[in-house]
Amino acid sequence: SPSPFSSVCSTLAPKLGRRMKRGALGLSLGLCLFTLGARAEAALGAPAKGVAEKSALVTNRSDALDAFAGMTINPGATTKAACAKLSVLKEKFEGQLSTSEASLEKERNVYETRICEGLGCEQDKTKRERSQAEWAHVQGTFQDEQARFHKLLDKIEALIEEAPFRRCPEFEGYLAKKRQLRQGERLMDDQQAKSL
């Protein structure tokens, strides 16, 4: 005889699938419910033939949903994975930004004597003008790159301050320091305003 979970899944999945206009989402939901039913059967053991208690275990839709609710993935696991990903992205973009800033400084040192005028600078006007044009291009490229990194980091900062990420262990200390810094800046601004 079919198990109660199988019968609930077989009746629930098509109804929910039709409500979702028989799309891929409806099919996925049907497969998910069927899989959950199989998992629940395995957890409870296969129903013995002729045992009324087990066949009456799930009698309506709310009982089925209650039974499935206990067998879903812990929502905290998904948040932990997202927190870890966000932390890695933050570190990655901060590293790329600092590397870009260091590279710009290195290029600045290279072009310093090529673009200036006077003693110790490039004496040939044509070479100097070419170097000035190159330097303008290099600066523009680095500014665009750094603006992109700042934009990405600003998005990450905004996400970190929102729930559920603000409760991540990776960001709790960071956010506490950030709040403390803001509070200190406000106090200093208030003291300067009072002294004027």
N, C-alpha and C. Protein backbone atom coordinates (compact mmCIF):
# COMPACT_ATOMS: atom_id res chain seq x y z
N SER A 1 0.85 -1.19 0.00
CA SER A 1 0.00 0.00 0.00
C SER A 1 0.88 1.24 0.00
N PRO A 2 0.45 2.32 -0.66
CA PRO A 2 1.27 3.53 -0.71
C PRO A 2 1.33 4.20 0.65
N SER A 3 2.44 4.86 0.91
CA SER A 3 2.61 5.52 2.21
C SER A 3 1.79 6.80 2.24
N PRO A 4 1.52 7.32 3.43
CA PRO A 4 0.77 8.57 3.52
C PRO A 4 1.52 9.74 2.87
N PHE A 5 2.86 9.76 2.99
CA PHE A 5 3.64 10.85 2.40
C PHE A 5 3.55 10.80 0.89
N SER A 6 3.60 9.60 0.31
CA SER A 6 3.51 9.48 -1.13
C SER A 6 2.15 9.96 -1.62
N SER A 7 1.09 9.60 -0.92
CA SER A 7 -0.24 10.00 -1.36
C SER A 7 -0.42 11.51 -1.24
N VAL A 8 0.10 12.11 -0.18
CA VAL A 8 -0.02 13.57 -0.03
C VAL A 8 0.77 14.27 -1.12
N CYS A 9 2.01 13.80 -1.38
CA CYS A 9 2.83 14.41 -2.42
C CYS A 9 2.17 14.27 -3.78
N SER A 10 1.59 13.09 -4.04
CA SER A 10 0.99 12.87 -5.35
C SER A 10 -0.26 13.72 -5.54
N THR A 11 -0.96 14.08 -4.46
CA THR A 11 -2.13 14.94 -4.61
C THR A 11 -1.78 16.42 -4.52
N LEU A 12 -0.82 16.78 -3.70
CA LEU A 12 -0.46 18.19 -3.51
C LEU A 12 0.34 18.75 -4.68
N ALA A 13 1.31 18.02 -5.16
CA ALA A 13 2.22 18.53 -6.18
C ALA A 13 1.49 18.96 -7.45
N PRO A 14 0.59 18.15 -8.01
CA PRO A 14 -0.10 18.58 -9.23
C PRO A 14 -0.94 19.84 -9.01
N LYS A 15 -1.61 19.94 -7.84
CA LYS A 15 -2.44 21.12 -7.58
C LYS A 15 -1.58 22.37 -7.50
N LEU A 16 -0.48 22.30 -6.78
CA LEU A 16 0.40 23.46 -6.66
C LEU A 16 1.05 23.76 -8.00
N GLY A 17 1.37 22.73 -8.75
CA GLY A 17 1.97 22.92 -10.07
C GLY A 17 1.03 23.64 -11.02
N ARG A 18 -0.29 23.30 -10.98
CA ARG A 18 -1.26 23.98 -11.85
C ARG A 18 -1.39 25.44 -11.47
N ARG A 19 -1.32 25.74 -10.17
CA ARG A 19 -1.41 27.13 -9.74
C ARG A 19 -0.22 27.94 -10.26
N MET A 20 0.88 27.29 -10.48
CA MET A 20 2.07 27.97 -10.99
C MET A 20 2.13 27.88 -12.51
N LYS A 21 0.96 27.65 -13.13
CA LYS A 21 0.82 27.62 -14.58
C LYS A 21 1.70 26.57 -15.24
N ARG A 22 1.84 25.45 -14.58
CA ARG A 22 2.54 24.30 -15.14
C ARG A 22 3.93 24.64 -15.65
N GLY A 23 4.58 25.62 -15.05
CA GLY A 23 5.93 26.01 -15.46
C GLY A 23 6.96 25.12 -14.80
N ALA A 24 8.21 25.47 -15.04
CA ALA A 24 9.32 24.71 -14.47
C ALA A 24 9.30 24.79 -12.96
N LEU A 25 8.81 25.93 -12.43
CA LEU A 25 8.75 26.08 -10.98
C LEU A 25 7.77 25.09 -10.38
N GLY A 26 6.63 24.89 -11.05
CA GLY A 26 5.65 23.92 -10.57
C GLY A 26 6.21 22.51 -10.60
N LEU A 27 6.94 22.18 -11.66
CA LEU A 27 7.55 20.87 -11.76
C LEU A 27 8.60 20.69 -10.67
N SER A 28 9.39 21.73 -10.45
CA SER A 28 10.41 21.66 -9.40
C SER A 28 9.78 21.47 -8.04
N LEU A 29 8.68 22.21 -7.80
CA LEU A 29 8.01 22.07 -6.51
C LEU A 29 7.46 20.67 -6.35
N GLY A 30 6.90 20.13 -7.41
CA GLY A 30 6.38 18.77 -7.34
C GLY A 30 7.47 17.76 -7.02
N LEU A 31 8.61 17.90 -7.69
CA LEU A 31 9.74 17.00 -7.42
C LEU A 31 10.25 17.17 -6.01
N CYS A 32 10.27 18.42 -5.55
CA CYS A 32 10.74 18.70 -4.19
C CYS A 32 9.83 18.04 -3.17
N LEU A 33 8.52 18.22 -3.35
CA LEU A 33 7.59 17.60 -2.41
C LEU A 33 7.69 16.09 -2.45
N PHE A 34 7.86 15.53 -3.65
CA PHE A 34 7.99 14.09 -3.76
C PHE A 34 9.25 13.62 -3.03
N THR A 35 10.35 14.35 -3.21
CA THR A 35 11.61 13.99 -2.55
C THR A 35 11.47 14.10 -1.04
N LEU A 36 10.82 15.18 -0.58
CA LEU A 36 10.62 15.32 0.86
C LEU A 36 9.76 14.18 1.40
N GLY A 37 8.78 13.77 0.61
CA GLY A 37 7.95 12.65 1.04
C GLY A 37 8.77 11.38 1.17
N ALA A 38 9.67 11.15 0.23
CA ALA A 38 10.53 9.97 0.29
C ALA A 38 11.45 10.05 1.49
N ARG A 39 11.97 11.24 1.76
CA ARG A 39 12.85 11.39 2.92
C ARG A 39 12.10 11.17 4.23
N ALA A 40 10.86 11.69 4.27
CA ALA A 40 10.07 11.51 5.48
C ALA A 40 9.75 10.03 5.69
N GLU A 41 9.45 9.33 4.59
CA GLU A 41 9.20 7.89 4.69
C GLU A 41 10.42 7.17 5.26
N ALA A 42 11.58 7.53 4.74
CA ALA A 42 12.81 6.89 5.21
C ALA A 42 13.05 7.20 6.68
N ALA A 43 12.76 8.41 7.09
CA ALA A 43 12.99 8.80 8.48
C ALA A 43 12.02 8.08 9.41
N LEU A 44 10.78 7.92 8.95
CA LEU A 44 9.78 7.29 9.81
C LEU A 44 9.74 5.78 9.65
N GLY A 45 10.36 5.30 8.62
CA GLY A 45 10.31 3.86 8.34
C GLY A 45 9.15 3.59 7.41
N ALA A 46 9.28 2.60 6.56
CA ALA A 46 8.20 2.26 5.63
C ALA A 46 6.98 1.79 6.41
N PRO A 47 5.80 2.22 6.00
CA PRO A 47 4.61 1.82 6.74
C PRO A 47 4.35 0.32 6.62
N ALA A 48 4.03 -0.27 7.73
CA ALA A 48 3.71 -1.70 7.72
C ALA A 48 2.30 -1.88 7.16
N LYS A 49 2.10 -2.96 6.41
CA LYS A 49 0.79 -3.21 5.83
C LYS A 49 -0.21 -3.47 6.94
N GLY A 50 -1.37 -2.78 6.83
CA GLY A 50 -2.44 -3.02 7.77
C GLY A 50 -2.32 -2.26 9.06
N VAL A 51 -1.36 -1.39 9.19
CA VAL A 51 -1.24 -0.63 10.44
C VAL A 51 -1.97 0.69 10.25
N ALA A 52 -3.04 0.88 10.99
CA ALA A 52 -3.91 2.03 10.80
C ALA A 52 -3.26 3.33 11.28
N GLU A 53 -2.46 3.24 12.35
CA GLU A 53 -1.87 4.48 12.89
C GLU A 53 -0.98 5.16 11.86
N LYS A 54 -0.14 4.39 11.17
CA LYS A 54 0.79 5.00 10.22
C LYS A 54 0.08 5.47 8.97
N SER A 55 -0.97 4.80 8.54
CA SER A 55 -1.67 5.24 7.35
C SER A 55 -2.49 6.50 7.65
N ALA A 56 -2.82 6.74 8.90
CA ALA A 56 -3.59 7.93 9.29
C ALA A 56 -2.67 9.06 9.75
N LEU A 57 -1.35 8.87 9.59
CA LEU A 57 -0.39 9.86 10.06
C LEU A 57 -0.62 11.22 9.42
N VAL A 58 -0.80 11.26 8.12
CA VAL A 58 -1.05 12.51 7.43
C VAL A 58 -2.42 12.40 6.78
N THR A 59 -3.36 13.23 7.24
CA THR A 59 -4.71 13.11 6.72
C THR A 59 -5.14 14.31 5.90
N ASN A 60 -4.49 15.46 6.08
CA ASN A 60 -4.87 16.62 5.28
C ASN A 60 -3.66 17.46 4.92
N ARG A 61 -3.89 18.54 4.19
CA ARG A 61 -2.80 19.37 3.67
C ARG A 61 -1.98 20.00 4.79
N SER A 62 -2.62 20.51 5.83
CA SER A 62 -1.87 21.17 6.91
C SER A 62 -0.97 20.17 7.63
N ASP A 63 -1.44 18.93 7.79
CA ASP A 63 -0.58 17.90 8.40
C ASP A 63 0.64 17.64 7.52
N ALA A 64 0.42 17.62 6.21
CA ALA A 64 1.53 17.38 5.29
C ALA A 64 2.54 18.51 5.37
N LEU A 65 2.06 19.75 5.38
CA LEU A 65 2.98 20.89 5.46
C LEU A 65 3.73 20.90 6.78
N ASP A 66 3.04 20.54 7.87
CA ASP A 66 3.72 20.45 9.17
C ASP A 66 4.80 19.38 9.15
N ALA A 67 4.51 18.27 8.51
CA ALA A 67 5.50 17.19 8.43
C ALA A 67 6.70 17.60 7.59
N PHE A 68 6.45 18.34 6.51
CA PHE A 68 7.55 18.76 5.64
C PHE A 68 8.36 19.88 6.26
N ALA A 69 7.74 20.71 7.09
CA ALA A 69 8.44 21.85 7.67
C ALA A 69 9.63 21.42 8.52
N GLY A 70 9.52 20.32 9.19
CA GLY A 70 10.61 19.84 10.03
C GLY A 70 11.74 19.22 9.24
N MET A 71 11.57 19.04 7.95
CA MET A 71 12.58 18.35 7.15
C MET A 71 13.27 19.25 6.15
N THR A 72 13.11 20.55 6.28
CA THR A 72 13.77 21.48 5.36
C THR A 72 15.16 21.83 5.89
N ILE A 73 15.93 22.47 5.04
CA ILE A 73 17.28 22.88 5.43
C ILE A 73 17.17 24.04 6.41
N ASN A 74 18.03 24.05 7.39
CA ASN A 74 18.06 25.12 8.37
C ASN A 74 18.34 26.44 7.66
N PRO A 75 17.49 27.47 7.83
CA PRO A 75 17.72 28.72 7.13
C PRO A 75 19.02 29.39 7.53
N GLY A 76 19.53 29.13 8.70
CA GLY A 76 20.79 29.71 9.14
C GLY A 76 21.98 29.24 8.32
N ALA A 77 21.88 28.04 7.77
CA ALA A 77 22.98 27.50 6.96
C ALA A 77 23.18 28.33 5.69
N THR A 78 22.10 28.73 5.08
CA THR A 78 22.18 29.55 3.87
C THR A 78 22.77 30.91 4.19
N THR A 79 22.35 31.49 5.30
CA THR A 79 22.87 32.80 5.70
C THR A 79 24.35 32.72 6.01
N LYS A 80 24.78 31.66 6.67
CA LYS A 80 26.21 31.50 6.98
C LYS A 80 27.03 31.42 5.70
N ALA A 81 26.53 30.69 4.72
CA ALA A 81 27.24 30.57 3.45
C ALA A 81 27.30 31.92 2.74
N ALA A 82 26.20 32.66 2.77
CA ALA A 82 26.17 33.99 2.14
C ALA A 82 27.11 34.95 2.87
N CYS A 83 27.16 34.85 4.20
CA CYS A 83 28.07 35.70 4.98
C CYS A 83 29.53 35.41 4.61
N ALA A 84 29.85 34.16 4.50
CA ALA A 84 31.22 33.79 4.14
C ALA A 84 31.57 34.30 2.75
N LYS A 85 30.64 34.17 1.80
CA LYS A 85 30.87 34.66 0.44
C LYS A 85 31.07 36.17 0.43
N LEU A 86 30.21 36.87 1.17
CA LEU A 86 30.30 38.32 1.22
C LEU A 86 31.61 38.77 1.85
N SER A 87 32.04 38.07 2.87
CA SER A 87 33.31 38.38 3.53
C SER A 87 34.48 38.20 2.56
N VAL A 88 34.45 37.12 1.80
CA VAL A 88 35.51 36.85 0.83
C VAL A 88 35.51 37.92 -0.27
N LEU A 89 34.32 38.30 -0.73
CA LEU A 89 34.24 39.34 -1.76
C LEU A 89 34.77 40.67 -1.24
N LYS A 90 34.43 40.98 0.00
CA LYS A 90 34.91 42.24 0.60
C LYS A 90 36.43 42.25 0.66
N GLU A 91 37.02 41.17 1.14
CA GLU A 91 38.48 41.07 1.21
C GLU A 91 39.10 41.15 -0.19
N LYS A 92 38.49 40.47 -1.15
CA LYS A 92 39.02 40.45 -2.52
C LYS A 92 39.05 41.85 -3.11
N PHE A 93 37.93 42.59 -3.01
CA PHE A 93 37.88 43.91 -3.61
C PHE A 93 38.73 44.92 -2.85
N GLU A 94 38.83 44.76 -1.54
CA GLU A 94 39.73 45.64 -0.79
C GLU A 94 41.18 45.40 -1.21
N GLY A 95 41.54 44.15 -1.40
CA GLY A 95 42.89 43.82 -1.86
C GLY A 95 43.16 44.36 -3.26
N GLN A 96 42.18 44.21 -4.15
CA GLN A 96 42.35 44.71 -5.50
C GLN A 96 42.44 46.24 -5.52
N LEU A 97 41.69 46.89 -4.65
CA LEU A 97 41.75 48.35 -4.57
C LEU A 97 43.12 48.81 -4.07
N SER A 98 43.64 48.16 -3.03
CA SER A 98 44.95 48.56 -2.51
C SER A 98 46.06 48.26 -3.53
N THR A 99 45.93 47.17 -4.27
CA THR A 99 46.89 46.86 -5.32
C THR A 99 46.85 47.92 -6.42
N SER A 100 45.64 48.33 -6.78
CA SER A 100 45.48 49.37 -7.80
C SER A 100 46.09 50.69 -7.34
N GLU A 101 45.85 51.04 -6.08
CA GLU A 101 46.42 52.29 -5.54
C GLU A 101 47.95 52.23 -5.52
N ALA A 102 48.50 51.08 -5.15
CA ALA A 102 49.97 50.92 -5.13
C ALA A 102 50.53 51.00 -6.56
N SER A 103 49.83 50.41 -7.52
CA SER A 103 50.28 50.47 -8.92
C SER A 103 50.23 51.89 -9.45
N LEU A 104 49.22 52.64 -9.07
CA LEU A 104 49.12 54.04 -9.49
C LEU A 104 50.29 54.85 -8.92
N GLU A 105 50.60 54.59 -7.66
CA GLU A 105 51.72 55.31 -7.04
C GLU A 105 53.04 54.96 -7.73
N LYS A 106 53.20 53.72 -8.10
CA LYS A 106 54.41 53.29 -8.82
C LYS A 106 54.50 54.00 -10.18
N GLU A 107 53.37 54.06 -10.89
CA GLU A 107 53.34 54.75 -12.18
C GLU A 107 53.60 56.25 -12.01
N ARG A 108 53.09 56.82 -10.92
CA ARG A 108 53.31 58.23 -10.66
C ARG A 108 54.82 58.52 -10.51
N ASN A 109 55.51 57.62 -9.82
CA ASN A 109 56.96 57.78 -9.65
C ASN A 109 57.68 57.68 -10.99
N VAL A 110 57.20 56.80 -11.87
CA VAL A 110 57.83 56.63 -13.18
C VAL A 110 57.65 57.89 -14.03
N TYR A 111 56.43 58.46 -14.00
CA TYR A 111 56.13 59.60 -14.86
C TYR A 111 56.50 60.95 -14.24
N GLU A 112 56.90 60.94 -12.99
CA GLU A 112 57.17 62.19 -12.28
C GLU A 112 58.18 63.08 -13.03
N THR A 113 59.30 62.52 -13.43
CA THR A 113 60.32 63.32 -14.12
C THR A 113 60.05 63.42 -15.61
N ARG A 114 59.17 62.61 -16.14
CA ARG A 114 58.87 62.65 -17.57
C ARG A 114 57.91 63.79 -17.93
N ILE A 115 57.07 64.19 -16.97
CA ILE A 115 56.02 65.17 -17.30
C ILE A 115 56.30 66.57 -16.75
N CYS A 116 57.26 66.69 -15.85
CA CYS A 116 57.53 68.00 -15.26
C CYS A 116 58.42 68.85 -16.15
N GLU A 117 58.49 70.13 -15.82
CA GLU A 117 59.36 71.04 -16.56
C GLU A 117 60.39 71.60 -15.58
N GLY A 118 61.59 71.83 -16.05
CA GLY A 118 62.62 72.41 -15.21
C GLY A 118 63.80 71.48 -15.07
N LEU A 119 64.61 71.75 -14.03
CA LEU A 119 65.83 70.99 -13.79
C LEU A 119 65.49 69.57 -13.32
N GLY A 120 66.10 68.58 -13.92
CA GLY A 120 65.88 67.18 -13.56
C GLY A 120 64.68 66.57 -14.27
N CYS A 121 64.06 67.31 -15.16
CA CYS A 121 62.88 66.81 -15.87
C CYS A 121 63.24 66.55 -17.33
N GLU A 122 62.31 65.99 -18.06
CA GLU A 122 62.50 65.72 -19.49
C GLU A 122 62.69 67.05 -20.22
N GLN A 123 63.78 67.14 -20.96
CA GLN A 123 64.11 68.38 -21.65
C GLN A 123 63.47 68.45 -23.04
N ASP A 124 63.26 67.30 -23.65
CA ASP A 124 62.68 67.27 -24.99
C ASP A 124 61.17 67.53 -24.88
N LYS A 125 60.71 68.61 -25.50
CA LYS A 125 59.31 69.03 -25.40
C LYS A 125 58.37 67.97 -25.97
N THR A 126 58.73 67.35 -27.07
CA THR A 126 57.88 66.34 -27.72
C THR A 126 57.72 65.11 -26.83
N LYS A 127 58.82 64.64 -26.27
CA LYS A 127 58.75 63.47 -25.37
C LYS A 127 57.92 63.81 -24.12
N ARG A 128 58.13 65.04 -23.61
CA ARG A 128 57.39 65.45 -22.41
C ARG A 128 55.89 65.50 -22.70
N GLU A 129 55.50 66.04 -23.84
CA GLU A 129 54.07 66.12 -24.19
C GLU A 129 53.47 64.73 -24.40
N ARG A 130 54.25 63.84 -25.01
CA ARG A 130 53.80 62.46 -25.20
C ARG A 130 53.62 61.80 -23.83
N SER A 131 54.59 62.01 -22.94
CA SER A 131 54.50 61.43 -21.59
C SER A 131 53.33 62.01 -20.81
N GLN A 132 53.05 63.31 -20.99
CA GLN A 132 51.90 63.93 -20.32
C GLN A 132 50.59 63.32 -20.81
N ALA A 133 50.51 63.06 -22.11
CA ALA A 133 49.30 62.42 -22.66
C ALA A 133 49.16 60.99 -22.13
N GLU A 134 50.29 60.26 -22.07
CA GLU A 134 50.26 58.89 -21.53
C GLU A 134 49.84 58.92 -20.06
N TRP A 135 50.39 59.88 -19.31
CA TRP A 135 50.07 59.98 -17.88
C TRP A 135 48.58 60.27 -17.68
N ALA A 136 48.02 61.14 -18.50
CA ALA A 136 46.59 61.43 -18.40
C ALA A 136 45.76 60.16 -18.65
N HIS A 137 46.20 59.37 -19.64
CA HIS A 137 45.50 58.11 -19.93
C HIS A 137 45.65 57.12 -18.77
N VAL A 138 46.85 57.00 -18.22
CA VAL A 138 47.10 56.08 -17.09
C VAL A 138 46.25 56.50 -15.89
N GLN A 139 46.23 57.81 -15.61
CA GLN A 139 45.43 58.29 -14.49
C GLN A 139 43.95 57.98 -14.69
N GLY A 140 43.44 58.22 -15.89
CA GLY A 140 42.03 57.95 -16.18
C GLY A 140 41.69 56.47 -16.02
N THR A 141 42.58 55.61 -16.48
CA THR A 141 42.35 54.17 -16.36
C THR A 141 42.30 53.75 -14.90
N PHE A 142 43.26 54.23 -14.12
CA PHE A 142 43.29 53.86 -12.70
C PHE A 142 42.09 54.46 -11.95
N GLN A 143 41.69 55.67 -12.30
CA GLN A 143 40.53 56.28 -11.64
C GLN A 143 39.26 55.50 -11.93
N ASP A 144 39.08 55.06 -13.18
CA ASP A 144 37.91 54.25 -13.53
C ASP A 144 37.91 52.93 -12.76
N GLU A 145 39.08 52.29 -12.70
CA GLU A 145 39.20 51.02 -12.00
C GLU A 145 38.91 51.19 -10.51
N GLN A 146 39.48 52.23 -9.91
CA GLN A 146 39.27 52.45 -8.48
C GLN A 146 37.83 52.86 -8.18
N ALA A 147 37.22 53.62 -9.08
CA ALA A 147 35.81 53.99 -8.90
C ALA A 147 34.94 52.74 -8.91
N ARG A 148 35.26 51.79 -9.79
CA ARG A 148 34.50 50.53 -9.84
C ARG A 148 34.66 49.75 -8.55
N PHE A 149 35.89 49.68 -8.01
CA PHE A 149 36.12 48.97 -6.75
C PHE A 149 35.39 49.66 -5.60
N HIS A 150 35.42 51.00 -5.57
CA HIS A 150 34.72 51.73 -4.51
C HIS A 150 33.21 51.49 -4.60
N LYS A 151 32.68 51.45 -5.81
CA LYS A 151 31.24 51.20 -5.99
C LYS A 151 30.87 49.81 -5.48
N LEU A 152 31.68 48.81 -5.82
CA LEU A 152 31.43 47.45 -5.35
C LEU A 152 31.54 47.36 -3.83
N LEU A 153 32.54 48.01 -3.28
CA LEU A 153 32.72 47.98 -1.82
C LEU A 153 31.59 48.73 -1.11
N ASP A 154 31.09 49.80 -1.72
CA ASP A 154 29.95 50.51 -1.13
C ASP A 154 28.71 49.62 -1.11
N LYS A 155 28.50 48.86 -2.18
CA LYS A 155 27.37 47.92 -2.22
C LYS A 155 27.52 46.86 -1.12
N ILE A 156 28.74 46.36 -0.97
CA ILE A 156 28.99 45.34 0.05
C ILE A 156 28.77 45.93 1.44
N GLU A 157 29.24 47.17 1.66
CA GLU A 157 29.03 47.84 2.95
C GLU A 157 27.55 47.98 3.26
N ALA A 158 26.77 48.36 2.25
CA ALA A 158 25.32 48.50 2.44
C ALA A 158 24.69 47.15 2.79
N LEU A 159 25.14 46.09 2.14
CA LEU A 159 24.61 44.76 2.45
C LEU A 159 24.99 44.32 3.86
N ILE A 160 26.22 44.63 4.26
CA ILE A 160 26.69 44.22 5.59
C ILE A 160 25.85 44.86 6.68
N GLU A 161 25.41 46.08 6.47
CA GLU A 161 24.65 46.79 7.49
C GLU A 161 23.19 46.37 7.53
N GLU A 162 22.73 45.61 6.55
CA GLU A 162 21.35 45.15 6.51
C GLU A 162 21.23 43.77 7.16
N ALA A 163 20.00 43.45 7.61
CA ALA A 163 19.74 42.12 8.12
C ALA A 163 19.73 41.16 6.94
N PRO A 164 20.13 39.97 7.03
CA PRO A 164 20.67 39.23 8.16
C PRO A 164 22.20 39.34 8.28
N PHE A 165 22.84 40.08 7.36
CA PHE A 165 24.30 40.10 7.33
C PHE A 165 24.91 40.81 8.53
N ARG A 166 24.19 41.78 9.09
CA ARG A 166 24.76 42.49 10.23
C ARG A 166 24.92 41.59 11.46
N ARG A 167 24.23 40.46 11.45
CA ARG A 167 24.36 39.51 12.56
C ARG A 167 25.40 38.42 12.30
N CYS A 168 26.08 38.49 11.18
CA CYS A 168 27.11 37.50 10.85
C CYS A 168 28.29 37.68 11.79
N PRO A 169 28.86 36.58 12.27
CA PRO A 169 30.03 36.69 13.15
C PRO A 169 31.22 37.36 12.45
N GLU A 170 31.29 37.22 11.11
CA GLU A 170 32.39 37.83 10.37
C GLU A 170 32.35 39.35 10.42
N PHE A 171 31.15 39.92 10.60
CA PHE A 171 31.00 41.37 10.52
C PHE A 171 30.65 42.04 11.83
N GLU A 172 30.37 41.29 12.88
CA GLU A 172 29.95 41.90 14.14
C GLU A 172 31.01 42.85 14.70
N GLY A 173 32.26 42.39 14.78
CA GLY A 173 33.34 43.23 15.30
C GLY A 173 33.60 44.43 14.40
N TYR A 174 33.57 44.19 13.10
CA TYR A 174 33.80 45.26 12.13
C TYR A 174 32.73 46.35 12.28
N LEU A 175 31.46 45.95 12.39
CA LEU A 175 30.38 46.92 12.51
C LEU A 175 30.45 47.66 13.84
N ALA A 176 30.86 46.97 14.90
CA ALA A 176 30.99 47.64 16.20
C ALA A 176 32.07 48.72 16.14
N LYS A 177 33.21 48.41 15.52
CA LYS A 177 34.28 49.41 15.36
C LYS A 177 33.82 50.58 14.50
N LYS A 178 33.07 50.27 13.45
CA LYS A 178 32.58 51.30 12.56
C LYS A 178 31.61 52.24 13.29
N ARG A 179 30.71 51.69 14.11
CA ARG A 179 29.79 52.51 14.90
C ARG A 179 30.55 53.38 15.89
N GLN A 180 31.55 52.80 16.53
CA GLN A 180 32.36 53.53 17.50
C GLN A 180 33.10 54.69 16.82
N LEU A 181 33.62 54.45 15.63
CA LEU A 181 34.31 55.50 14.88
C LEU A 181 33.36 56.62 14.50
N ARG A 182 32.18 56.27 14.03
CA ARG A 182 31.18 57.29 13.68
C ARG A 182 30.80 58.12 14.89
N GLN A 183 30.62 57.45 16.03
CA GLN A 183 30.24 58.16 17.26
C GLN A 183 31.37 59.11 17.67
N GLY A 184 32.61 58.67 17.57
CA GLY A 184 33.75 59.53 17.91
C GLY A 184 33.83 60.73 16.98
N GLU A 185 33.59 60.51 15.69
CA GLU A 185 33.60 61.62 14.73
C GLU A 185 32.51 62.63 15.04
N ARG A 186 31.31 62.13 15.41
CA ARG A 186 30.21 63.03 15.77
C ARG A 186 30.56 63.86 17.00
N LEU A 187 31.16 63.22 18.00
CA LEU A 187 31.55 63.95 19.21
C LEU A 187 32.57 65.03 18.90
N MET A 188 33.55 64.70 18.06
CA MET A 188 34.56 65.70 17.70
C MET A 188 33.94 66.85 16.90
N ASP A 189 33.03 66.53 15.98
CA ASP A 189 32.36 67.57 15.21
C ASP A 189 31.53 68.47 16.12
N ASP A 190 30.86 67.88 17.10
CA ASP A 190 30.05 68.67 18.06
C ASP A 190 30.95 69.58 18.88
N GLN A 191 32.10 69.08 19.32
CA GLN A 191 33.02 69.90 20.10
C GLN A 191 33.59 71.03 19.27
N GLN A 192 33.91 70.79 18.01
CA GLN A 192 34.41 71.85 17.13
C GLN A 192 33.33 72.91 16.89
N ALA A 193 32.10 72.46 16.73
CA ALA A 193 30.99 73.39 16.49
C ALA A 193 30.77 74.27 17.72
N LYS A 194 30.91 73.72 18.92
CA LYS A 194 30.74 74.47 20.15
C LYS A 194 31.87 75.48 20.35
N SER A 195 33.07 75.12 19.94
CA SER A 195 34.21 76.00 20.13
C SER A 195 34.18 77.19 19.17
N LEU A 196 33.48 77.09 18.07
CA LEU A 196 33.39 78.19 17.11
C LEU A 196 32.37 79.14 17.56
